[in-house]
């Protein structure tokens, strides 16, 4: 076989393999989106999270975008739980997921910014930038929401003890108070205290 034909065969084989792997990834992503759309509203967030966690590393962002898009189109009331769960399962997909959510529900931009910032606080600035590109008219309101969230996180972090744990979403533990047990008080005048 001459070298030119050999090169053509190799290029054809590479193209075939590349297109086959792309179609496999695309079909897995569309299957994940279909499963989320077919799920009941209550189950959709859990299905979306499972699909993202089970996705290959290379297809994780595409899967996250697909399940958020399908989930929000079918179950818009589940915005907070779907978005939060997917972002926690794949924080590296934050910008793409926020863009997808903004495309599907542009009127919910403030809610999207709040939920995404609570789910992935380290990427708050990236979230604000992505949302501001999609809804520049609401940038000021979104910045106020971000400032409010930062203030909430600061108060929670600086408050000691169970109150700080409750504010930050941590675990509140209660220990025995000791001392004497409370005494039952009877509001009836002249009642016999020894009588049940």
Protein backbone atom coordinates (compact mmCIF):
# COMPACT_ATOMS: atom_id res chain seq x y z
CA UNK A 1 0.00 0.00 0.00
CA UNK A 2 1.42 3.35 -0.91
CA UNK A 3 2.07 5.87 1.89
CA UNK A 4 -0.70 8.23 0.78
CA UNK A 5 -3.37 5.51 0.95
CA UNK A 6 -1.97 4.34 4.28
CA UNK A 7 -2.26 7.88 5.67
CA UNK A 8 -5.84 8.16 4.38
CA UNK A 9 -6.82 4.87 6.04
CA UNK A 10 -5.26 5.97 9.36
CA UNK A 11 -7.05 9.34 9.23
CA UNK A 12 -10.35 7.63 8.42
CA UNK A 13 -9.89 5.26 11.37
CA UNK A 14 -9.06 8.16 13.74
CA UNK A 15 -12.11 10.11 12.54
CA UNK A 16 -14.35 7.08 13.01
CA UNK A 17 -13.07 6.45 16.56
CA UNK A 18 -13.43 10.13 17.49
CA UNK A 19 -16.97 10.36 16.14
CA UNK A 20 -17.95 7.10 17.82
CA UNK A 21 -16.68 8.27 21.23
CA UNK A 22 -18.42 11.62 20.79
CA UNK A 23 -21.70 9.94 19.91
CA UNK A 24 -21.41 7.60 22.93
CA UNK A 25 -20.85 10.58 25.25
CA UNK A 26 -23.71 12.49 23.62
CA UNK A 27 -26.07 9.54 23.95
CA UNK A 28 -25.15 9.08 27.63
CA UNK A 29 -25.79 12.79 28.23
CA UNK A 30 -29.14 12.72 26.43
CA UNK A 31 -30.09 9.57 28.33
CA UNK A 32 -29.32 11.31 31.63
CA UNK A 33 -31.42 14.31 30.58
CA UNK A 34 -34.28 12.02 29.58
CA UNK A 35 -34.19 10.22 32.93
CA UNK A 36 -34.38 13.51 34.84
CA UNK A 37 -37.24 14.77 32.68
CA UNK A 38 -39.12 11.48 33.09
CA UNK A 39 -38.73 11.47 36.88
CA UNK A 40 -41.41 12.83 39.18
CA UNK A 41 -40.80 16.33 40.52
CA UNK A 42 -39.92 14.99 43.97
CA UNK A 43 -37.44 12.47 42.56
CA UNK A 44 -35.88 14.71 39.88
CA UNK A 45 -33.15 16.25 42.09
CA UNK A 46 -31.94 12.85 43.29
CA UNK A 47 -31.95 11.45 39.75
CA UNK A 48 -30.02 14.51 38.49
CA UNK A 49 -27.40 14.16 41.23
CA UNK A 50 -26.98 10.44 40.53
CA UNK A 51 -26.58 11.03 36.80
CA UNK A 52 -23.88 13.65 37.39
CA UNK A 53 -22.01 11.52 39.93
CA UNK A 54 -22.12 8.48 37.61
CA UNK A 55 -20.92 10.43 34.55
CA UNK A 56 -17.41 9.98 33.21
CA UNK A 57 -14.94 12.66 34.22
CA UNK A 58 -14.78 13.99 30.66
CA UNK A 59 -18.57 14.14 30.30
CA UNK A 60 -19.38 15.44 33.78
CA UNK A 61 -19.90 19.08 32.74
CA UNK A 62 -21.98 18.13 29.69
CA UNK A 63 -24.09 15.79 31.82
CA UNK A 64 -24.56 18.44 34.51
CA UNK A 65 -25.73 20.98 31.93
CA UNK A 66 -28.07 18.46 30.30
CA UNK A 67 -29.72 17.33 33.54
CA UNK A 68 -30.15 20.91 34.82
CA UNK A 69 -31.66 22.01 31.51
CA UNK A 70 -34.03 19.04 31.32
CA UNK A 71 -34.89 19.18 35.01
CA UNK A 72 -35.70 22.89 35.05
CA UNK A 73 -37.76 22.69 31.88
CA UNK A 74 -39.86 19.82 33.22
CA UNK A 75 -39.89 20.76 36.93
CA UNK A 76 -39.30 24.53 37.33
CA UNK A 77 -40.50 24.44 40.95
CA UNK A 78 -37.57 22.17 41.81
CA UNK A 79 -35.04 24.86 40.81
CA UNK A 80 -33.36 25.13 44.20
CA UNK A 81 -32.96 21.42 44.85
CA UNK A 82 -31.87 20.46 41.33
CA UNK A 83 -29.38 23.33 40.97
CA UNK A 84 -27.94 22.94 44.46
CA UNK A 85 -27.56 19.17 44.19
CA UNK A 86 -25.92 19.23 40.77
CA UNK A 87 -23.48 21.98 41.77
CA UNK A 88 -22.47 20.10 44.91
CA UNK A 89 -21.98 16.93 42.86
CA UNK A 90 -19.90 18.74 40.22
CA UNK A 91 -18.48 22.07 41.47
CA UNK A 92 -16.11 22.21 38.50
CA UNK A 93 -19.15 22.68 36.24
CA UNK A 94 -20.39 25.78 38.07
CA UNK A 95 -20.15 28.32 35.27
CA UNK A 96 -21.70 26.06 32.63
CA UNK A 97 -24.52 24.98 34.96
CA UNK A 98 -25.32 28.58 35.97
CA UNK A 99 -25.40 29.59 32.29
CA UNK A 100 -27.73 26.69 31.49
CA UNK A 101 -30.05 27.56 34.38
CA UNK A 102 -30.10 31.22 33.30
CA UNK A 103 -30.98 30.18 29.73
CA UNK A 104 -33.91 28.05 30.90
CA UNK A 105 -35.21 30.40 33.63
CA UNK A 106 -33.98 33.97 32.97
CA UNK A 107 -36.60 35.48 35.28
CA UNK A 108 -35.22 33.49 38.23
CA UNK A 109 -31.72 34.97 38.02
CA UNK A 110 -31.64 36.17 41.62
CA UNK A 111 -32.75 32.78 42.92
CA UNK A 112 -30.19 31.05 40.70
CA UNK A 113 -27.40 33.27 42.05
CA UNK A 114 -28.47 32.71 45.66
CA UNK A 115 -28.82 28.93 45.36
CA UNK A 116 -25.59 28.51 43.40
CA UNK A 117 -23.64 30.68 45.84
CA UNK A 118 -24.94 28.72 48.81
CA UNK A 119 -24.08 25.42 47.11
CA UNK A 120 -20.56 26.43 46.04
CA UNK A 121 -19.51 29.45 48.15
CA UNK A 122 -15.92 29.39 46.88
CA UNK A 123 -17.15 30.18 43.36
CA UNK A 124 -19.44 33.09 44.26
CA UNK A 125 -17.60 35.62 42.10
CA UNK A 126 -17.65 33.28 39.10
CA UNK A 127 -21.39 32.74 39.61
CA UNK A 128 -22.05 36.48 39.78
CA UNK A 129 -20.00 37.12 36.64
CA UNK A 130 -21.78 34.37 34.68
CA UNK A 131 -25.23 35.49 35.79
CA UNK A 132 -24.43 39.15 35.10
CA UNK A 133 -23.54 38.32 31.49
CA UNK A 134 -26.94 36.67 31.01
CA UNK A 135 -28.97 39.32 32.90
CA UNK A 136 -26.99 42.58 32.98
CA UNK A 137 -30.05 44.60 34.03
CA UNK A 138 -30.27 42.65 37.29
CA UNK A 139 -26.57 42.92 38.19
CA UNK A 140 -27.14 45.38 41.04
CA UNK A 141 -29.82 43.23 42.65
CA UNK A 142 -27.65 40.13 42.26
CA UNK A 143 -24.70 41.94 43.86
CA UNK A 144 -26.91 42.87 46.84
CA UNK A 145 -27.97 39.23 47.18
CA UNK A 146 -24.32 38.15 47.14
CA UNK A 147 -23.46 40.75 49.80
CA UNK A 148 -26.31 39.50 51.95
CA UNK A 149 -25.07 35.90 51.63
CA UNK A 150 -21.52 36.96 52.52
CA UNK A 151 -22.83 38.77 55.59
CA UNK A 152 -24.79 35.69 56.65
CA UNK A 153 -21.69 33.50 56.28
CA UNK A 154 -19.62 35.99 58.31
CA UNK A 155 -22.12 36.09 61.18
CA UNK A 156 -22.38 32.31 61.22
CA UNK A 157 -18.62 31.87 61.24
CA UNK A 158 -18.04 34.39 64.04
CA UNK A 159 -20.84 33.22 66.36
CA UNK A 160 -19.53 30.69 68.89
CA UNK A 161 -21.30 27.62 70.20
CA UNK A 162 -24.60 26.09 69.14
CA UNK A 163 -25.94 29.39 67.78
CA UNK A 164 -23.05 29.60 65.31
CA UNK A 165 -23.55 25.99 64.33
CA UNK A 166 -27.24 26.62 63.72
CA UNK A 167 -26.51 29.70 61.60
CA UNK A 168 -23.85 28.00 59.52
CA UNK A 169 -25.82 24.81 58.96
CA UNK A 170 -23.63 22.79 61.31
CA UNK A 171 -24.72 20.27 63.91
CA UNK A 172 -26.21 21.62 67.12
CA UNK A 173 -25.61 19.50 70.19
CA UNK A 174 -27.30 19.95 73.52
CA UNK A 175 -25.83 18.84 76.79
CA UNK A 176 -27.64 18.30 80.08
CA UNK A 177 -28.20 21.51 81.99
CA UNK A 178 -27.92 19.94 85.44
CA UNK A 179 -29.60 21.59 88.39
CA UNK A 180 -33.02 20.83 89.80
CA UNK A 181 -35.86 19.64 87.62
CA UNK A 182 -38.71 22.07 87.00
CA UNK A 183 -41.57 22.11 89.51
CA UNK A 184 -45.10 21.72 88.24
CA UNK A 185 -47.20 24.73 89.06
CA UNK A 186 -50.93 24.35 89.48
CA UNK A 187 -52.94 27.42 88.53
CA UNK A 188 -56.01 26.46 90.60
CA UNK A 189 -56.25 28.27 93.92
CA UNK A 190 -56.42 25.94 96.92
CA UNK A 191 -55.66 22.82 94.90
CA UNK A 192 -54.23 19.86 96.73
CA UNK A 193 -50.55 19.59 95.63
CA UNK A 194 -50.40 15.88 96.50
CA UNK A 195 -53.36 15.02 94.33
CA UNK A 196 -52.69 13.90 90.68
